[in-house]
C-alpha cells in the first residue's frame, strides 16, 4: 500500500482505510521485533552488526547522548518529552539519506535485561532502536539471549 510520493501531503479523504494501515504497521513492527530476537538467539549481540554504519552510529550516539546508560531502563517520558523528541529528531535526521526506514516505527525493549513483553517494550523510531541496540550489543548486554538459547554450550568461547 502506498500513500503517495515521499513528502506528499496526506489527504484523509483520499486514503485507504487507516485501520488497515495500522494493522499492516503492527505486523511489520512485530516481524522486525521477532526477527531481531531470533538473530540474538543465534548470534551473540556483541558480534552482531545491525547496519553498515554501526561504528558511525555508535560514536555519534555516544557524542549526542553522553549520559545514556545502556544498562538502565529507558525513561520513556524523558525520551518522548518535547526536549527529548527534539534531541532525537536532530540525531535521526543525520541518517535520513543513508539508513533505510530510519524513521519507521518499531519496538524497543526498555531494558536490556528483559525479553520483549507488554511492560518491557516501548514504541520507538528505527534509528532509536539502532542507536540503543548497537550500544547494548557493543557492551555485551544482549549476549545473555544467546547464552539462554544455548545453555549446554561453553559460553566462554562462543
C-alpha atoms as a PDB file:
ATOM      1  CA  UNK A   1       0.000   0.000   0.000  1.00  0.00           C
ATOM      2  CA  UNK A   2       1.356   3.411  -0.901  1.00  0.00           C
ATOM      3  CA  UNK A   3       0.400   6.768   0.490  1.00  0.00           C
ATOM      4  CA  UNK A   4       1.942   8.525  -2.495  1.00  0.00           C
ATOM      5  CA  UNK A   5       5.326  10.033  -3.113  1.00  0.00           C
ATOM      6  CA  UNK A   6       7.585  10.778  -0.162  1.00  0.00           C
ATOM      7  CA  UNK A   7       6.868  14.210   1.263  1.00  0.00           C
ATOM      8  CA  UNK A   8       3.430  14.449  -0.330  1.00  0.00           C
ATOM      9  CA  UNK A   9       0.678  15.711   1.910  1.00  0.00           C
ATOM     10  CA  UNK A  10      -1.744  13.118   3.178  1.00  0.00           C
ATOM     11  CA  UNK A  11      -5.385  13.825   2.438  1.00  0.00           C
ATOM     12  CA  UNK A  12      -7.586  11.650   4.677  1.00  0.00           C
ATOM     13  CA  UNK A  13     -10.454  11.977   2.178  1.00  0.00           C
ATOM     14  CA  UNK A  14      -8.416  10.107  -0.428  1.00  0.00           C
ATOM     15  CA  UNK A  15      -6.564   7.498   1.603  1.00  0.00           C
ATOM     16  CA  UNK A  16      -7.320   3.864   2.140  1.00  0.00           C
ATOM     17  CA  UNK A  17      -8.674   2.650   5.444  1.00  0.00           C
ATOM     18  CA  UNK A  18      -6.396   3.843   8.255  1.00  0.00           C
ATOM     19  CA  UNK A  19      -7.325   0.808  10.325  1.00  0.00           C
ATOM     20  CA  UNK A  20      -5.828  -1.433   7.632  1.00  0.00           C
ATOM     21  CA  UNK A  21      -2.696   0.737   7.568  1.00  0.00           C
ATOM     22  CA  UNK A  22      -2.349   0.459  11.348  1.00  0.00           C
ATOM     23  CA  UNK A  23      -2.676  -3.322  11.156  1.00  0.00           C
ATOM     24  CA  UNK A  24      -0.024  -3.502   8.440  1.00  0.00           C
ATOM     25  CA  UNK A  25       2.279  -1.291  10.516  1.00  0.00           C
ATOM     26  CA  UNK A  26       1.740  -3.507  13.560  1.00  0.00           C
ATOM     27  CA  UNK A  27       2.531  -6.629  11.537  1.00  0.00           C
ATOM     28  CA  UNK A  28       5.781  -5.097  10.233  1.00  0.00           C
ATOM     29  CA  UNK A  29       6.826  -3.910  13.713  1.00  0.00           C
ATOM     30  CA  UNK A  30       6.189  -7.358  15.216  1.00  0.00           C
ATOM     31  CA  UNK A  31       8.088  -9.033  12.355  1.00  0.00           C
ATOM     32  CA  UNK A  32      11.075  -6.745  12.996  1.00  0.00           C
ATOM     33  CA  UNK A  33      10.926  -7.483  16.730  1.00  0.00           C
ATOM     34  CA  UNK A  34      10.722 -11.272  16.321  1.00  0.00           C
ATOM     35  CA  UNK A  35      13.424 -11.309  13.645  1.00  0.00           C
ATOM     36  CA  UNK A  36      15.815  -9.353  15.851  1.00  0.00           C
ATOM     37  CA  UNK A  37      15.158 -11.658  18.804  1.00  0.00           C
ATOM     38  CA  UNK A  38      15.734 -14.737  16.635  1.00  0.00           C
ATOM     39  CA  UNK A  39      19.068 -13.278  15.491  1.00  0.00           C
ATOM     40  CA  UNK A  40      20.114 -12.615  19.104  1.00  0.00           C
ATOM     41  CA  UNK A  41      19.317 -16.262  19.902  1.00  0.00           C
ATOM     42  CA  UNK A  42      21.566 -17.436  17.053  1.00  0.00           C
ATOM     43  CA  UNK A  43      24.450 -14.989  17.490  1.00  0.00           C
ATOM     44  CA  UNK A  44      25.912 -13.061  20.395  1.00  0.00           C
ATOM     45  CA  UNK A  45      24.869  -9.437  20.214  1.00  0.00           C
ATOM     46  CA  UNK A  46      28.492  -8.443  20.818  1.00  0.00           C
ATOM     47  CA  UNK A  47      29.359  -9.998  17.423  1.00  0.00           C
ATOM     48  CA  UNK A  48      26.368  -8.582  15.557  1.00  0.00           C
ATOM     49  CA  UNK A  49      26.300  -5.669  13.128  1.00  0.00           C
ATOM     50  CA  UNK A  50      22.871  -4.152  12.594  1.00  0.00           C
ATOM     51  CA  UNK A  51      23.845  -1.779   9.781  1.00  0.00           C
ATOM     52  CA  UNK A  52      26.801  -0.960   7.549  1.00  0.00           C
ATOM     53  CA  UNK A  53      27.171   2.192   9.650  1.00  0.00           C
ATOM     54  CA  UNK A  54      27.271   0.688  13.172  1.00  0.00           C
ATOM     55  CA  UNK A  55      30.588   2.340  14.055  1.00  0.00           C
ATOM     56  CA  UNK A  56      29.441   5.795  12.957  1.00  0.00           C
ATOM     57  CA  UNK A  57      26.042   5.426  14.666  1.00  0.00           C
ATOM     58  CA  UNK A  58      27.693   4.226  17.882  1.00  0.00           C
ATOM     59  CA  UNK A  59      30.163   7.131  18.034  1.00  0.00           C
ATOM     60  CA  UNK A  60      27.522   9.690  17.091  1.00  0.00           C
ATOM     61  CA  UNK A  61      25.117   8.326  19.728  1.00  0.00           C
ATOM     62  CA  UNK A  62      27.774   8.457  22.460  1.00  0.00           C
ATOM     63  CA  UNK A  63      28.591  12.039  21.474  1.00  0.00           C
ATOM     64  CA  UNK A  64      24.980  13.277  21.343  1.00  0.00           C
ATOM     65  CA  UNK A  65      23.708  11.306  24.357  1.00  0.00           C
ATOM     66  CA  UNK A  66      26.733  11.056  26.687  1.00  0.00           C
ATOM     67  CA  UNK A  67      24.609  10.418  29.787  1.00  0.00           C
ATOM     68  CA  UNK A  68      22.756   7.462  28.231  1.00  0.00           C
ATOM     69  CA  UNK A  69      23.392   4.291  30.229  1.00  0.00           C
ATOM     70  CA  UNK A  70      22.511   1.236  28.120  1.00  0.00           C
ATOM     71  CA  UNK A  71      22.278  -0.965  31.249  1.00  0.00           C
ATOM     72  CA  UNK A  72      19.442   1.089  32.712  1.00  0.00           C
ATOM     73  CA  UNK A  73      15.734   1.176  31.912  1.00  0.00           C
ATOM     74  CA  UNK A  74      14.924   3.828  29.330  1.00  0.00           C
ATOM     75  CA  UNK A  75      12.962   6.748  30.739  1.00  0.00           C
ATOM     76  CA  UNK A  76      10.241   6.823  28.081  1.00  0.00           C
ATOM     77  CA  UNK A  77       8.752  10.068  29.413  1.00  0.00           C
ATOM     78  CA  UNK A  78      12.119  11.815  29.110  1.00  0.00           C
ATOM     79  CA  UNK A  79      12.725  10.297  25.678  1.00  0.00           C
ATOM     80  CA  UNK A  80       9.318  11.456  24.434  1.00  0.00           C
ATOM     81  CA  UNK A  81       9.296  14.857  26.150  1.00  0.00           C
ATOM     82  CA  UNK A  82       9.458  17.961  23.969  1.00  0.00           C
ATOM     83  CA  UNK A  83      13.218  18.287  24.607  1.00  0.00           C
ATOM     84  CA  UNK A  84      13.796  14.553  24.142  1.00  0.00           C
ATOM     85  CA  UNK A  85      11.914  14.476  20.851  1.00  0.00           C
ATOM     86  CA  UNK A  86      13.933  17.436  19.568  1.00  0.00           C
ATOM     87  CA  UNK A  87      17.269  15.807  20.516  1.00  0.00           C
ATOM     88  CA  UNK A  88      16.271  12.533  18.900  1.00  0.00           C
ATOM     89  CA  UNK A  89      14.889  14.250  15.792  1.00  0.00           C
ATOM     90  CA  UNK A  90      18.205  16.065  15.273  1.00  0.00           C
ATOM     91  CA  UNK A  91      20.109  12.802  15.788  1.00  0.00           C
ATOM     92  CA  UNK A  92      17.898  10.824  13.424  1.00  0.00           C
ATOM     93  CA  UNK A  93      17.842  13.373  10.601  1.00  0.00           C
ATOM     94  CA  UNK A  94      21.569  12.796  10.121  1.00  0.00           C
ATOM     95  CA  UNK A  95      20.628   9.375   8.712  1.00  0.00           C
ATOM     96  CA  UNK A  96      17.708  10.444   6.537  1.00  0.00           C
ATOM     97  CA  UNK A  97      19.511   9.652   3.288  1.00  0.00           C
ATOM     98  CA  UNK A  98      21.783   6.838   4.490  1.00  0.00           C
ATOM     99  CA  UNK A  99      19.692   4.475   6.646  1.00  0.00           C
ATOM    100  CA  UNK A 100      16.639   2.876   5.102  1.00  0.00           C
ATOM    101  CA  UNK A 101      13.450   3.289   7.148  1.00  0.00           C
ATOM    102  CA  UNK A 102      15.387   5.443   9.649  1.00  0.00           C
ATOM    103  CA  UNK A 103      12.126   6.959  10.909  1.00  0.00           C
ATOM    104  CA  UNK A 104       9.930   3.870  10.721  1.00  0.00           C
ATOM    105  CA  UNK A 105       8.293   2.879  13.983  1.00  0.00           C
ATOM    106  CA  UNK A 106       9.474  -0.262  15.737  1.00  0.00           C
ATOM    107  CA  UNK A 107       9.500  -1.933  19.134  1.00  0.00           C
ATOM    108  CA  UNK A 108      12.367  -1.439  21.586  1.00  0.00           C
ATOM    109  CA  UNK A 109      12.997  -3.207  24.881  1.00  0.00           C
ATOM    110  CA  UNK A 110      13.084  -0.602  27.636  1.00  0.00           C
ATOM    111  CA  UNK A 111      15.778  -2.571  29.465  1.00  0.00           C
ATOM    112  CA  UNK A 112      18.360  -4.999  28.017  1.00  0.00           C
ATOM    113  CA  UNK A 113      17.880  -7.444  30.907  1.00  0.00           C
ATOM    114  CA  UNK A 114      14.392  -8.455  29.753  1.00  0.00           C
ATOM    115  CA  UNK A 115      12.749 -10.102  26.783  1.00  0.00           C
ATOM    116  CA  UNK A 116      10.148  -8.244  24.764  1.00  0.00           C
ATOM    117  CA  UNK A 117       6.940  -8.059  26.769  1.00  0.00           C
ATOM    118  CA  UNK A 118       3.959  -5.782  27.170  1.00  0.00           C
ATOM    119  CA  UNK A 119       5.506  -3.859  30.079  1.00  0.00           C
ATOM    120  CA  UNK A 120       9.116  -4.083  28.863  1.00  0.00           C
ATOM    121  CA  UNK A 121       8.592  -2.771  25.329  1.00  0.00           C
ATOM    122  CA  UNK A 122       8.226   0.771  24.051  1.00  0.00           C
ATOM    123  CA  UNK A 123       7.442   2.223  20.661  1.00  0.00           C
ATOM    124  CA  UNK A 124      10.467   3.910  19.080  1.00  0.00           C
ATOM    125  CA  UNK A 125      11.796   5.044  15.727  1.00  0.00           C
ATOM    126  CA  UNK A 126      14.140   2.724  13.821  1.00  0.00           C
ATOM    127  CA  UNK A 127      17.175   4.996  14.413  1.00  0.00           C
ATOM    128  CA  UNK A 128      16.476   4.998  18.152  1.00  0.00           C
ATOM    129  CA  UNK A 129      16.378   1.209  18.010  1.00  0.00           C
ATOM    130  CA  UNK A 130      19.647   1.068  16.060  1.00  0.00           C
ATOM    131  CA  UNK A 131      21.489   3.539  18.308  1.00  0.00           C
ATOM    132  CA  UNK A 132      20.405   1.897  21.551  1.00  0.00           C
ATOM    133  CA  UNK A 133      20.750  -1.721  20.426  1.00  0.00           C
ATOM    134  CA  UNK A 134      24.148  -1.102  18.801  1.00  0.00           C
ATOM    135  CA  UNK A 135      25.361   0.303  22.127  1.00  0.00           C
ATOM    136  CA  UNK A 136      23.834  -2.591  24.072  1.00  0.00           C
ATOM    137  CA  UNK A 137      25.445  -5.083  21.711  1.00  0.00           C
ATOM    138  CA  UNK A 138      28.866  -3.399  21.877  1.00  0.00           C
ATOM    139  CA  UNK A 139      28.747  -3.620  25.654  1.00  0.00           C
ATOM    140  CA  UNK A 140      27.707  -7.286  25.623  1.00  0.00           C
ATOM    141  CA  UNK A 141      24.341  -6.542  27.240  1.00  0.00           C
ATOM    142  CA  UNK A 142      22.423  -8.771  24.816  1.00  0.00           C
ATOM    143  CA  UNK A 143      24.764 -11.774  24.944  1.00  0.00           C
ATOM    144  CA  UNK A 144      22.574 -13.382  27.623  1.00  0.00           C
ATOM    145  CA  UNK A 145      19.913 -14.046  24.961  1.00  0.00           C
ATOM    146  CA  UNK A 146      22.329 -16.302  23.047  1.00  0.00           C
ATOM    147  CA  UNK A 147      23.534 -17.946  26.257  1.00  0.00           C
ATOM    148  CA  UNK A 148      19.948 -18.650  27.328  1.00  0.00           C
ATOM    149  CA  UNK A 149      19.194 -20.209  23.918  1.00  0.00           C
ATOM    150  CA  UNK A 150      22.358 -22.375  24.114  1.00  0.00           C
ATOM    151  CA  UNK A 151      22.566 -23.489  27.753  1.00  0.00           C
ATOM    152  CA  UNK A 152      24.771 -26.534  27.126  1.00  0.00           C
ATOM    153  CA  UNK A 153      27.404 -24.646  25.169  1.00  0.00           C
ATOM    154  CA  UNK A 154      30.650 -23.399  26.688  1.00  0.00           C
ATOM    155  CA  UNK A 155      29.646 -19.748  26.626  1.00  0.00           C
ATOM    156  CA  UNK A 156      33.154 -18.503  27.319  1.00  0.00           C
ATOM    157  CA  UNK A 157      34.117 -19.431  23.738  1.00  0.00           C
ATOM    158  CA  UNK A 158      31.005 -18.524  21.734  1.00  0.00           C
END
